[in-house]
Amino acid sequence: SLTLSRDIGNYVGSINLSSYGKRIDFGDIELPAYSLVNLTLSKKFTKNTKISLKLENVFDKDYFTAATSNAYYLNQGRSAWLRLHYDLGD
């Protein structure tokens, strides 16, 4: 996994590349290798308030992290997440 972040004015942008090799799951089923790219952009508005937007699986890659005896569990496709973080402290 590799993550690169950069301050862009009042924002922080990051790109994450995660890569997984072939591996054996239960029942000696081989799971294929895959790589994912995720992007995040965040902005701090006040000392206690931050908002971020994350785009996961940018290229909508089909990938599998587990298997059954006769099939794979298909994981999440491309998705977007909006997060508002408010710290109740100080």
Protein backbone atom coordinates (compact mmCIF):
# COMPACT_ATOMS: atom_id res chain seq x y z
CA SER A 1 0.00 0.00 0.00
CA LEU A 2 1.25 3.46 -0.87
CA THR A 3 -0.39 6.76 0.08
CA LEU A 4 0.71 10.15 -1.17
CA SER A 5 -0.77 13.32 0.34
CA ARG A 6 -0.36 16.95 -0.59
CA ASP A 7 -1.58 20.26 0.77
CA ILE A 8 -3.40 22.15 -1.99
CA GLY A 9 -4.27 25.59 -0.65
CA ASN A 10 -6.78 25.02 2.17
CA TYR A 11 -7.30 21.38 1.14
CA VAL A 12 -5.44 18.13 1.65
CA GLY A 13 -5.57 15.68 -1.25
CA SER A 14 -4.36 12.11 -1.15
CA ILE A 15 -4.13 9.13 -3.45
CA ASN A 16 -3.83 5.60 -2.16
CA LEU A 17 -2.74 2.56 -4.16
CA SER A 18 -3.24 -0.82 -2.51
CA SER A 19 -2.14 -4.03 -4.18
CA TYR A 20 -2.73 -7.61 -3.05
CA GLY A 21 -1.15 -10.74 -4.48
CA LYS A 22 -2.74 -14.11 -5.13
CA ARG A 23 -3.54 -15.99 -1.95
CA ILE A 24 -5.20 -19.19 -0.80
CA ASP A 25 -8.55 -19.00 1.00
CA PHE A 26 -10.38 -21.69 2.94
CA GLY A 27 -10.88 -24.89 0.95
CA ASP A 28 -7.63 -24.28 -0.96
CA ILE A 29 -9.37 -21.83 -3.30
CA GLU A 30 -6.96 -19.38 -4.93
CA LEU A 31 -8.07 -15.76 -4.78
CA PRO A 32 -6.78 -13.63 -7.66
CA ALA A 33 -4.47 -10.65 -7.21
CA TYR A 34 -5.92 -7.14 -7.43
CA SER A 35 -5.04 -3.47 -7.01
CA LEU A 36 -7.25 -0.57 -5.94
CA VAL A 37 -6.93 3.20 -6.22
CA ASN A 38 -8.67 5.53 -3.74
CA LEU A 39 -8.77 9.35 -3.73
CA THR A 40 -9.51 11.68 -0.81
CA LEU A 41 -9.96 15.44 -0.59
CA SER A 42 -10.49 17.13 2.78
CA LYS A 43 -10.81 20.65 4.11
CA LYS A 44 -10.62 21.93 7.67
CA PHE A 45 -13.12 24.76 8.20
CA THR A 46 -12.45 25.48 11.87
CA LYS A 47 -10.31 24.01 14.62
CA ASN A 48 -13.11 21.51 15.32
CA THR A 49 -14.76 21.01 11.91
CA LYS A 50 -13.48 19.11 8.90
CA ILE A 51 -15.21 17.73 5.80
CA SER A 52 -13.83 15.10 3.46
CA LEU A 53 -14.85 13.39 0.25
CA LYS A 54 -13.45 9.97 -0.56
CA LEU A 55 -13.75 8.06 -3.83
CA GLU A 56 -12.95 4.37 -3.35
CA ASN A 57 -12.16 1.85 -6.08
CA VAL A 58 -11.78 4.68 -8.62
CA PHE A 59 -11.55 2.33 -11.63
CA ASP A 60 -14.50 0.16 -10.46
CA LYS A 61 -12.31 -2.95 -10.31
CA ASP A 62 -13.98 -6.31 -9.58
CA TYR A 63 -12.06 -7.96 -6.77
CA PHE A 64 -12.52 -10.77 -4.30
CA THR A 65 -11.39 -11.03 -0.68
CA ALA A 66 -13.11 -14.32 0.20
CA ALA A 67 -14.53 -17.43 -1.45
CA THR A 68 -17.09 -20.15 -0.85
CA SER A 69 -16.73 -23.71 -2.05
CA ASN A 70 -18.06 -22.80 -5.51
CA ALA A 71 -17.94 -18.99 -5.88
CA TYR A 72 -16.31 -15.73 -4.83
CA TYR A 73 -17.76 -12.93 -2.73
CA LEU A 74 -17.76 -9.85 -4.96
CA ASN A 75 -16.72 -6.74 -3.06
CA GLN A 76 -17.77 -3.12 -3.25
CA GLY A 77 -17.55 -1.35 -6.59
CA ARG A 78 -16.75 2.34 -7.01
CA SER A 79 -18.21 4.35 -4.15
CA ALA A 80 -18.16 7.90 -2.82
CA TRP A 81 -18.18 8.84 0.87
CA LEU A 82 -18.85 12.25 2.35
CA ARG A 83 -17.73 12.72 5.95
CA LEU A 84 -18.35 15.61 8.30
CA HIS A 85 -16.17 15.50 11.39
CA TYR A 86 -16.91 17.72 14.37
CA ASP A 87 -14.78 17.48 17.51
CA LEU A 88 -16.73 18.23 20.70
CA GLY A 89 -13.52 18.79 22.70
CA ASP A 90 -11.83 22.13 23.48
